[in-house]
PDB file of N, CA and C in Angstrom:
ATOM      1  N   MET A   1      10.350   5.343 -12.127  1.00  0.00           N
ATOM      2  CA  MET A   1      10.062   4.340 -13.141  1.00  0.00           C
ATOM      3  C   MET A   1       8.837   4.792 -13.928  1.00  0.00           C
ATOM      4  N   GLU A   2       9.000   5.045 -15.187  1.00  0.00           N
ATOM      5  CA  GLU A   2       7.914   5.519 -16.042  1.00  0.00           C
ATOM      6  C   GLU A   2       7.204   4.321 -16.655  1.00  0.00           C
ATOM      7  N   VAL A   3       5.906   4.207 -16.368  1.00  0.00           N
ATOM      8  CA  VAL A   3       5.094   3.098 -16.856  1.00  0.00           C
ATOM      9  C   VAL A   3       3.922   3.688 -17.620  1.00  0.00           C
ATOM     10  N   PRO A   4       3.595   3.135 -18.796  1.00  0.00           N
ATOM     11  CA  PRO A   4       2.426   3.632 -19.512  1.00  0.00           C
ATOM     12  C   PRO A   4       1.188   3.621 -18.616  1.00  0.00           C
ATOM     13  N   GLU A   5       0.369   4.675 -18.714  1.00  0.00           N
ATOM     14  CA  GLU A   5      -0.736   4.859 -17.787  1.00  0.00           C
ATOM     15  C   GLU A   5      -1.751   3.729 -17.785  1.00  0.00           C
ATOM     16  N   LYS A   6      -1.958   3.057 -18.901  1.00  0.00           N
ATOM     17  CA  LYS A   6      -2.976   2.015 -18.923  1.00  0.00           C
ATOM     18  C   LYS A   6      -2.505   0.686 -18.328  1.00  0.00           C
ATOM     19  N   ILE A   7      -1.243   0.546 -18.015  1.00  0.00           N
ATOM     20  CA  ILE A   7      -0.752  -0.674 -17.371  1.00  0.00           C
ATOM     21  C   ILE A   7      -0.990  -0.556 -15.868  1.00  0.00           C
ATOM     22  N   ARG A   8      -1.688  -1.517 -15.291  1.00  0.00           N
ATOM     23  CA  ARG A   8      -2.003  -1.510 -13.860  1.00  0.00           C
ATOM     24  C   ARG A   8      -0.723  -1.676 -13.060  1.00  0.00           C
ATOM     25  N   GLN A   9      -0.625  -0.959 -11.956  1.00  0.00           N
ATOM     26  CA  GLN A   9       0.551  -1.003 -11.085  1.00  0.00           C
ATOM     27  C   GLN A   9       0.087  -1.222  -9.649  1.00  0.00           C
ATOM     28  N   ALA A  10       0.874  -1.938  -8.871  1.00  0.00           N
ATOM     29  CA  ALA A  10       0.510  -2.149  -7.470  1.00  0.00           C
ATOM     30  C   ALA A  10       1.764  -2.325  -6.631  1.00  0.00           C
ATOM     31  N   VAL A  11       1.693  -1.778  -5.432  1.00  0.00           N
ATOM     32  CA  VAL A  11       2.738  -1.980  -4.436  1.00  0.00           C
ATOM     33  C   VAL A  11       2.031  -2.234  -3.110  1.00  0.00           C
ATOM     34  N   ALA A  12       2.451  -3.273  -2.410  1.00  0.00           N
ATOM     35  CA  ALA A  12       1.893  -3.576  -1.097  1.00  0.00           C
ATOM     36  C   ALA A  12       2.942  -3.254  -0.044  1.00  0.00           C
ATOM     37  N   LEU A  13       2.483  -2.587   1.006  1.00  0.00           N
ATOM     38  CA  LEU A  13       3.367  -2.227   2.112  1.00  0.00           C
ATOM     39  C   LEU A  13       2.925  -2.949   3.372  1.00  0.00           C
ATOM     40  N   ALA A  14       3.873  -3.206   4.249  1.00  0.00           N
ATOM     41  CA  ALA A  14       3.580  -3.770   5.571  1.00  0.00           C
ATOM     42  C   ALA A  14       4.320  -2.927   6.592  1.00  0.00           C
ATOM     43  N   TYR A  15       3.686  -2.770   7.750  1.00  0.00           N
ATOM     44  CA  TYR A  15       4.315  -1.955   8.778  1.00  0.00           C
ATOM     45  C   TYR A  15       3.988  -2.488  10.159  1.00  0.00           C
ATOM     46  N   ASP A  16       5.014  -2.799  10.902  1.00  0.00           N
ATOM     47  CA  ASP A  16       4.895  -3.198  12.300  1.00  0.00           C
ATOM     48  C   ASP A  16       5.791  -2.256  13.094  1.00  0.00           C
ATOM     49  N   PRO A  17       5.205  -1.257  13.763  1.00  0.00           N
ATOM     50  CA  PRO A  17       6.022  -0.258  14.457  1.00  0.00           C
ATOM     51  C   PRO A  17       6.908  -0.838  15.554  1.00  0.00           C
ATOM     52  N   ASP A  18       6.581  -2.042  16.025  1.00  0.00           N
ATOM     53  CA  ASP A  18       7.419  -2.678  17.041  1.00  0.00           C
ATOM     54  C   ASP A  18       8.680  -3.300  16.451  1.00  0.00           C
ATOM     55  N   LYS A  19       8.674  -3.548  15.155  1.00  0.00           N
ATOM     56  CA  LYS A  19       9.798  -4.239  14.515  1.00  0.00           C
ATOM     57  C   LYS A  19      10.528  -3.411  13.467  1.00  0.00           C
ATOM     58  N   GLN A  20       9.860  -2.361  12.963  1.00  0.00           N
ATOM     59  CA  GLN A  20      10.413  -1.616  11.832  1.00  0.00           C
ATOM     60  C   GLN A  20      10.430  -0.124  12.120  1.00  0.00           C
ATOM     61  N   ARG A  21      11.359   0.544  11.476  1.00  0.00           N
ATOM     62  CA  ARG A  21      11.422   1.998  11.519  1.00  0.00           C
ATOM     63  C   ARG A  21      10.403   2.617  10.577  1.00  0.00           C
ATOM     64  N   ALA A  22      10.169   1.946   9.470  1.00  0.00           N
ATOM     65  CA  ALA A  22       9.286   2.464   8.423  1.00  0.00           C
ATOM     66  C   ALA A  22       8.613   1.288   7.702  1.00  0.00           C
ATOM     67  N   PRO A  23       7.524   1.559   6.978  1.00  0.00           N
ATOM     68  CA  PRO A  23       6.877   0.493   6.200  1.00  0.00           C
ATOM     69  C   PRO A  23       7.840  -0.130   5.182  1.00  0.00           C
ATOM     70  N   LEU A  24       7.615  -1.404   4.919  1.00  0.00           N
ATOM     71  CA  LEU A  24       8.416  -2.163   3.952  1.00  0.00           C
ATOM     72  C   LEU A  24       7.596  -2.469   2.713  1.00  0.00           C
ATOM     73  N   VAL A  25       8.261  -2.544   1.591  1.00  0.00           N
ATOM     74  CA  VAL A  25       7.635  -3.037   0.365  1.00  0.00           C
ATOM     75  C   VAL A  25       7.619  -4.562   0.466  1.00  0.00           C
ATOM     76  N   VAL A  26       6.402  -5.138   0.422  1.00  0.00           N
ATOM     77  CA  VAL A  26       6.296  -6.596   0.539  1.00  0.00           C
ATOM     78  C   VAL A  26       5.856  -7.258  -0.764  1.00  0.00           C
ATOM     79  N   ALA A  27       5.341  -6.459  -1.693  1.00  0.00           N
ATOM     80  CA  ALA A  27       4.968  -6.988  -3.010  1.00  0.00           C
ATOM     81  C   ALA A  27       4.871  -5.805  -3.972  1.00  0.00           C
ATOM     82  N   LYS A  28       5.174  -6.067  -5.221  1.00  0.00           N
ATOM     83  CA  LYS A  28       5.032  -5.031  -6.242  1.00  0.00           C
ATOM     84  C   LYS A  28       4.928  -5.697  -7.597  1.00  0.00           C
ATOM     85  N   GLY A  29       4.239  -5.029  -8.508  1.00  0.00           N
ATOM     86  CA  GLY A  29       4.128  -5.624  -9.824  1.00  0.00           C
ATOM     87  C   GLY A  29       3.400  -4.721 -10.796  1.00  0.00           C
ATOM     88  N   LEU A  30       3.489  -5.097 -12.051  1.00  0.00           N
ATOM     89  CA  LEU A  30       2.845  -4.402 -13.156  1.00  0.00           C
ATOM     90  C   LEU A  30       1.935  -5.382 -13.888  1.00  0.00           C
ATOM     91  N   GLY A  31       0.912  -4.845 -14.524  1.00  0.00           N
ATOM     92  CA  GLY A  31       0.048  -5.671 -15.355  1.00  0.00           C
ATOM     93  C   GLY A  31      -0.652  -6.769 -14.582  1.00  0.00           C
ATOM     94  N   ARG A  32      -0.521  -7.984 -15.066  1.00  0.00           N
ATOM     95  CA  ARG A  32      -1.210  -9.136 -14.460  1.00  0.00           C
ATOM     96  C   ARG A  32      -0.777  -9.332 -13.009  1.00  0.00           C
ATOM     97  N   LEU A  33       0.505  -9.169 -12.715  1.00  0.00           N
ATOM     98  CA  LEU A  33       0.972  -9.325 -11.338  1.00  0.00           C
ATOM     99  C   LEU A  33       0.337  -8.267 -10.436  1.00  0.00           C
ATOM    100  N   ALA A  34       0.182  -7.058 -10.922  1.00  0.00           N
ATOM    101  CA  ALA A  34      -0.484  -6.003 -10.148  1.00  0.00           C
ATOM    102  C   ALA A  34      -1.920  -6.409  -9.850  1.00  0.00           C
ATOM    103  N   GLU A  35      -2.607  -6.966 -10.831  1.00  0.00           N
ATOM    104  CA  GLU A  35      -3.987  -7.424 -10.629  1.00  0.00           C
ATOM    105  C   GLU A  35      -4.050  -8.502  -9.553  1.00  0.00           C
ATOM    106  N   VAL A  36      -3.094  -9.430  -9.567  1.00  0.00           N
ATOM    107  CA  VAL A  36      -3.051 -10.498  -8.557  1.00  0.00           C
ATOM    108  C   VAL A  36      -2.856  -9.893  -7.167  1.00  0.00           C
ATOM    109  N   ILE A  37      -1.927  -8.955  -7.034  1.00  0.00           N
ATOM    110  CA  ILE A  37      -1.670  -8.301  -5.750  1.00  0.00           C
ATOM    111  C   ILE A  37      -2.944  -7.602  -5.255  1.00  0.00           C
ATOM    112  N   ILE A  38      -3.601  -6.878  -6.134  1.00  0.00           N
ATOM    113  CA  ILE A  38      -4.825  -6.163  -5.763  1.00  0.00           C
ATOM    114  C   ILE A  38      -5.926  -7.136  -5.363  1.00  0.00           C
ATOM    115  N   ASN A  39      -6.099  -8.212  -6.106  1.00  0.00           N
ATOM    116  CA  ASN A  39      -7.129  -9.197  -5.779  1.00  0.00           C
ATOM    117  C   ASN A  39      -6.868  -9.889  -4.454  1.00  0.00           C
ATOM    118  N   ILE A  40      -5.622 -10.225  -4.194  1.00  0.00           N
ATOM    119  CA  ILE A  40      -5.272 -10.848  -2.907  1.00  0.00           C
ATOM    120  C   ILE A  40      -5.584  -9.883  -1.767  1.00  0.00           C
ATOM    121  N   ALA A  41      -5.233  -8.629  -1.944  1.00  0.00           N
ATOM    122  CA  ALA A  41      -5.513  -7.627  -0.913  1.00  0.00           C
ATOM    123  C   ALA A  41      -7.011  -7.503  -0.672  1.00  0.00           C
ATOM    124  N   LYS A  42      -7.793  -7.427  -1.736  1.00  0.00           N
ATOM    125  CA  LYS A  42      -9.244  -7.306  -1.593  1.00  0.00           C
ATOM    126  C   LYS A  42      -9.833  -8.519  -0.883  1.00  0.00           C
ATOM    127  N   GLU A  43      -9.393  -9.712  -1.276  1.00  0.00           N
ATOM    128  CA  GLU A  43      -9.895 -10.937  -0.645  1.00  0.00           C
ATOM    129  C   GLU A  43      -9.547 -10.999   0.834  1.00  0.00           C
ATOM    130  N   ALA A  44      -8.417 -10.408   1.201  1.00  0.00           N
ATOM    131  CA  ALA A  44      -7.980 -10.407   2.609  1.00  0.00           C
ATOM    132  C   ALA A  44      -8.602  -9.243   3.391  1.00  0.00           C
ATOM    133  N   GLY A  45      -9.404  -8.418   2.720  1.00  0.00           N
ATOM    134  CA  GLY A  45     -10.027  -7.292   3.399  1.00  0.00           C
ATOM    135  C   GLY A  45      -9.099  -6.115   3.632  1.00  0.00           C
ATOM    136  N   VAL A  46      -8.000  -6.089   2.897  1.00  0.00           N
ATOM    137  CA  VAL A  46      -7.038  -4.997   3.022  1.00  0.00           C
ATOM    138  C   VAL A  46      -7.565  -3.784   2.267  1.00  0.00           C
ATOM    139  N   GLN A  47      -7.502  -2.639   2.925  1.00  0.00           N
ATOM    140  CA  GLN A  47      -7.929  -1.402   2.273  1.00  0.00           C
ATOM    141  C   GLN A  47      -6.942  -1.038   1.163  1.00  0.00           C
ATOM    142  N   ILE A  48      -7.470  -0.528   0.069  1.00  0.00           N
ATOM    143  CA  ILE A  48      -6.641  -0.173  -1.082  1.00  0.00           C
ATOM    144  C   ILE A  48      -6.804   1.318  -1.354  1.00  0.00           C
ATOM    145  N   ARG A  49      -5.696   1.945  -1.643  1.00  0.00           N
ATOM    146  CA  ARG A  49      -5.722   3.377  -1.989  1.00  0.00           C
ATOM    147  C   ARG A  49      -4.933   3.543  -3.269  1.00  0.00           C
ATOM    148  N   GLU A  50      -5.522   4.201  -4.237  1.00  0.00           N
ATOM    149  CA  GLU A  50      -4.838   4.438  -5.503  1.00  0.00           C
ATOM    150  C   GLU A  50      -4.141   5.793  -5.476  1.00  0.00           C
ATOM    151  N   ASP A  51      -2.867   5.778  -5.811  1.00  0.00           N
ATOM    152  CA  ASP A  51      -2.078   7.016  -5.903  1.00  0.00           C
ATOM    153  C   ASP A  51      -0.984   6.750  -6.923  1.00  0.00           C
ATOM    154  N   LYS A  52      -1.261   7.098  -8.187  1.00  0.00           N
ATOM    155  CA  LYS A  52      -0.341   6.722  -9.259  1.00  0.00           C
ATOM    156  C   LYS A  52       1.030   7.375  -9.130  1.00  0.00           C
ATOM    157  N   ASP A  53       1.091   8.564  -8.536  1.00  0.00           N
ATOM    158  CA  ASP A  53       2.395   9.206  -8.356  1.00  0.00           C
ATOM    159  C   ASP A  53       3.235   8.455  -7.322  1.00  0.00           C
ATOM    160  N   LEU A  54       2.613   8.134  -6.197  1.00  0.00           N
ATOM    161  CA  LEU A  54       3.336   7.431  -5.134  1.00  0.00           C
ATOM    162  C   LEU A  54       3.749   6.026  -5.570  1.00  0.00           C
ATOM    163  N   VAL A  55       2.868   5.324  -6.259  1.00  0.00           N
ATOM    164  CA  VAL A  55       3.204   3.957  -6.667  1.00  0.00           C
ATOM    165  C   VAL A  55       4.419   3.954  -7.591  1.00  0.00           C
ATOM    166  N   GLY A  56       4.574   5.002  -8.382  1.00  0.00           N
ATOM    167  CA  GLY A  56       5.756   5.096  -9.249  1.00  0.00           C
ATOM    168  C   GLY A  56       7.047   5.135  -8.446  1.00  0.00           C
ATOM    169  N   PHE A  57       7.048   5.896  -7.356  1.00  0.00           N
ATOM    170  CA  PHE A  57       8.232   5.948  -6.482  1.00  0.00           C
ATOM    171  C   PHE A  57       8.450   4.617  -5.779  1.00  0.00           C
ATOM    172  N   LEU A  58       7.348   4.017  -5.310  1.00  0.00           N
ATOM    173  CA  LEU A  58       7.470   2.761  -4.560  1.00  0.00           C
ATOM    174  C   LEU A  58       7.915   1.601  -5.443  1.00  0.00           C
ATOM    175  N   LEU A  59       7.549   1.631  -6.714  1.00  0.00           N
ATOM    176  CA  LEU A  59       7.980   0.564  -7.628  1.00  0.00           C
ATOM    177  C   LEU A  59       9.500   0.531  -7.796  1.00  0.00           C
ATOM    178  N   ALA A  60      10.145   1.649  -7.571  1.00  0.00           N
ATOM    179  CA  ALA A  60      11.604   1.707  -7.717  1.00  0.00           C
ATOM    180  C   ALA A  60      12.325   1.036  -6.544  1.00  0.00           C
ATOM    181  N   LEU A  61      11.594   0.749  -5.459  1.00  0.00           N
ATOM    182  CA  LEU A  61      12.199   0.109  -4.295  1.00  0.00           C
ATOM    183  C   LEU A  61      12.218  -1.401  -4.471  1.00  0.00           C
ATOM    184  N   ASP A  62      13.124  -2.056  -3.749  1.00  0.00           N
ATOM    185  CA  ASP A  62      13.202  -3.517  -3.774  1.00  0.00           C
ATOM    186  C   ASP A  62      12.253  -4.120  -2.753  1.00  0.00           C
ATOM    187  N   ILE A  63      11.823  -5.355  -2.985  1.00  0.00           N
ATOM    188  CA  ILE A  63      11.022  -6.087  -2.009  1.00  0.00           C
ATOM    189  C   ILE A  63      11.858  -6.185  -0.723  1.00  0.00           C
ATOM    190  N   GLY A  64      11.216  -5.910   0.407  1.00  0.00           N
ATOM    191  CA  GLY A  64      11.902  -5.962   1.699  1.00  0.00           C
ATOM    192  C   GLY A  64      12.573  -4.657   2.082  1.00  0.00           C
ATOM    193  N   GLU A  65      12.571  -3.691   1.183  1.00  0.00           N
ATOM    194  CA  GLU A  65      13.211  -2.406   1.455  1.00  0.00           C
ATOM    195  C   GLU A  65      12.240  -1.465   2.177  1.00  0.00           C
ATOM    196  N   GLU A  66      12.757  -0.758   3.180  1.00  0.00           N
ATOM    197  CA  GLU A  66      11.951   0.248   3.856  1.00  0.00           C
ATOM    198  C   GLU A  66      11.768   1.448   2.934  1.00  0.00           C
ATOM    199  N   ILE A  67      10.626   2.108   3.079  1.00  0.00           N
ATOM    200  CA  ILE A  67      10.425   3.319   2.285  1.00  0.00           C
ATOM    201  C   ILE A  67      11.423   4.383   2.754  1.00  0.00           C
ATOM    202  N   PRO A  68      11.899   5.217   1.858  1.00  0.00           N
ATOM    203  CA  PRO A  68      12.852   6.269   2.242  1.00  0.00           C
ATOM    204  C   PRO A  68      12.137   7.406   2.980  1.00  0.00           C
ATOM    205  N   GLU A  69      12.905   8.148   3.751  1.00  0.00           N
ATOM    206  CA  GLU A  69      12.353   9.249   4.538  1.00  0.00           C
ATOM    207  C   GLU A  69      11.564  10.232   3.684  1.00  0.00           C
ATOM    208  N   GLU A  70      11.965  10.436   2.450  1.00  0.00           N
ATOM    209  CA  GLU A  70      11.283  11.373   1.570  1.00  0.00           C
ATOM    210  C   GLU A  70       9.816  10.996   1.338  1.00  0.00           C
ATOM    211  N   LEU A  71       9.481   9.722   1.540  1.00  0.00           N
ATOM    212  CA  LEU A  71       8.110   9.262   1.306  1.00  0.00           C
ATOM    213  C   LEU A  71       7.313   9.090   2.596  1.00  0.00           C
ATOM    214  N   TYR A  72       7.916   9.352   3.750  1.00  0.00           N
ATOM    215  CA  TYR A  72       7.229   9.159   5.034  1.00  0.00           C
ATOM    216  C   TYR A  72       5.885   9.882   5.084  1.00  0.00           C
ATOM    217  N   THR A  73       5.866  11.148   4.713  1.00  0.00           N
ATOM    218  CA  THR A  73       4.628  11.929   4.820  1.00  0.00           C
ATOM    219  C   THR A  73       3.541  11.362   3.920  1.00  0.00           C
ATOM    220  N   ALA A  74       3.879  11.062   2.679  1.00  0.00           N
ATOM    221  CA  ALA A  74       2.893  10.526   1.736  1.00  0.00           C
ATOM    222  C   ALA A  74       2.348   9.184   2.218  1.00  0.00           C
ATOM    223  N   VAL A  75       3.225   8.304   2.688  1.00  0.00           N
ATOM    224  CA  VAL A  75       2.788   6.998   3.155  1.00  0.00           C
ATOM    225  C   VAL A  75       2.019   7.132   4.469  1.00  0.00           C
ATOM    226  N   ALA A  76       2.434   8.041   5.340  1.00  0.00           N
ATOM    227  CA  ALA A  76       1.715   8.258   6.601  1.00  0.00           C
ATOM    228  C   ALA A  76       0.275   8.699   6.329  1.00  0.00           C
ATOM    229  N   GLU A  77       0.083   9.548   5.330  1.00  0.00           N
ATOM    230  CA  GLU A  77      -1.267   9.981   4.972  1.00  0.00           C
ATOM    231  C   GLU A  77      -2.112   8.799   4.502  1.00  0.00           C
ATOM    232  N   ILE A  78      -1.516   7.912   3.740  1.00  0.00           N
ATOM    233  CA  ILE A  78      -2.246   6.730   3.274  1.00  0.00           C
ATOM    234  C   ILE A  78      -2.554   5.799   4.439  1.00  0.00           C
ATOM    235  N   LEU A  79      -1.582   5.584   5.316  1.00  0.00           N
ATOM    236  CA  LEU A  79      -1.827   4.723   6.478  1.00  0.00           C
ATOM    237  C   LEU A  79      -2.931   5.302   7.356  1.00  0.00           C
ATOM    238  N   ALA A  80      -2.941   6.608   7.547  1.00  0.00           N
ATOM    239  CA  ALA A  80      -3.996   7.247   8.344  1.00  0.00           C
ATOM    240  C   ALA A  80      -5.355   7.025   7.677  1.00  0.00           C
ATOM    241  N   PHE A  81      -5.413   7.150   6.362  1.00  0.00           N
ATOM    242  CA  PHE A  81      -6.639   6.904   5.611  1.00  0.00           C
ATOM    243  C   PHE A  81      -7.107   5.457   5.805  1.00  0.00           C
ATOM    244  N   VAL A  82      -6.185   4.515   5.693  1.00  0.00           N
ATOM    245  CA  VAL A  82      -6.519   3.096   5.830  1.00  0.00           C
ATOM    246  C   VAL A  82      -6.980   2.787   7.255  1.00  0.00           C
ATOM    247  N   TYR A  83      -6.285   3.295   8.255  1.00  0.00           N
ATOM    248  CA  TYR A  83      -6.680   3.054   9.646  1.00  0.00           C
ATOM    249  C   TYR A  83      -8.068   3.631   9.918  1.00  0.00           C
ATOM    250  N   LYS A  84      -8.368   4.794   9.352  1.00  0.00           N
ATOM    251  CA  LYS A  84      -9.685   5.417   9.523  1.00  0.00           C
ATOM    252  C   LYS A  84     -10.763   4.525   8.914  1.00  0.00           C
ATOM    253  N   LEU A  85     -10.531   4.020   7.716  1.00  0.00           N
ATOM    254  CA  LEU A  85     -11.504   3.137   7.080  1.00  0.00           C
ATOM    255  C   LEU A  85     -11.704   1.861   7.890  1.00  0.00           C
ATOM    256  N   ASP A  86     -10.617   1.311   8.425  1.00  0.00           N
ATOM    257  CA  ASP A  86     -10.715   0.109   9.251  1.00  0.00           C
ATOM    258  C   ASP A  86     -11.551   0.372  10.507  1.00  0.00           C
ATOM    259  N   ARG A  87     -11.318   1.520  11.152  1.00  0.00           N
ATOM    260  CA  ARG A  87     -12.090   1.861  12.356  1.00  0.00           C
ATOM    261  C   ARG A  87     -13.571   2.007  12.013  1.00  0.00           C
ATOM    262  N   GLU A  88     -13.874   2.673  10.911  1.00  0.00           N
ATOM    263  CA  GLU A  88     -15.265   2.858  10.496  1.00  0.00           C
ATOM    264  C   GLU A  88     -15.928   1.521  10.185  1.00  0.00           C
ATOM    265  N   LYS A  89     -15.193   0.645   9.538  1.00  0.00           N
ATOM    266  CA  LYS A  89     -15.722  -0.682   9.202  1.00  0.00           C
ATOM    267  C   LYS A  89     -16.011  -1.468  10.473  1.00  0.00           C
ATOM    268  N   LYS A  90     -15.085  -1.452  11.435  1.00  0.00           N
ATOM    269  CA  LYS A  90     -15.297  -2.169  12.697  1.00  0.00           C
ATOM    270  C   LYS A  90     -16.465  -1.583  13.472  1.00  0.00           C
ATOM    271  N   LYS A  91     -16.608  -0.287  13.417  1.00  0.00           N
ATOM    272  CA  LYS A  91     -17.720   0.374  14.105  1.00  0.00           C
ATOM    273  C   LYS A  91     -19.057  -0.097  13.542  1.00  0.00           C
ATOM    274  N   LYS A  92     -19.128  -0.211  12.210  1.00  0.00           N
ATOM    275  CA  LYS A  92     -20.359  -0.690  11.575  1.00  0.00           C
ATOM    276  C   LYS A  92     -20.638  -2.150  11.929  1.00  0.00           C
ATOM    277  N   VAL A  93     -19.597  -2.962  11.923  1.00  0.00           N
ATOM    278  CA  VAL A  93     -19.767  -4.391  12.162  1.00  0.00           C
ATOM    279  C   VAL A  93     -20.017  -4.691  13.635  1.00  0.00           C
ATOM    280  N   TYR A  94     -19.208  -4.084  14.516  1.00  0.00           N
ATOM    281  CA  TYR A  94     -19.272  -4.416  15.934  1.00  0.00           C
ATOM    282  C   TYR A  94     -19.970  -3.349  16.780  1.00  0.00           C
ATOM    283  N   GLY A  95     -20.315  -2.235  16.175  1.00  0.00           N
ATOM    284  CA  GLY A  95     -20.972  -1.174  16.916  1.00  0.00           C
ATOM    285  C   GLY A  95     -20.061  -0.484  17.911  1.00  0.00           C
ATOM    286  N   LYS A  96     -18.750  -0.579  17.682  1.00  0.00           N
ATOM    287  CA  LYS A  96     -17.778   0.037  18.599  1.00  0.00           C
ATOM    288  C   LYS A  96     -17.043   1.156  17.922  1.00  0.00           C
TER     289      LYS A  96
END
């Protein structure tokens, strides 16, 4: 999906390894809707990673759809980044 570069884009993923084979698209949007998704994530303390190439692929998926195998590596790298940031944040807050 080709979107003009100045239009904000967002895709939110959720992953529960006990229930799913792969992360699911739980929200996606362009423009104002993308801003709402990003703001909700920030308010909830969700880590955000910008990757305009990946978001283009993810926007083509439907809400509730698992990411395809072709995107596993790219999404795994982002999840590893997010988990690392979460661990660092908890370490600072709780000293663990």
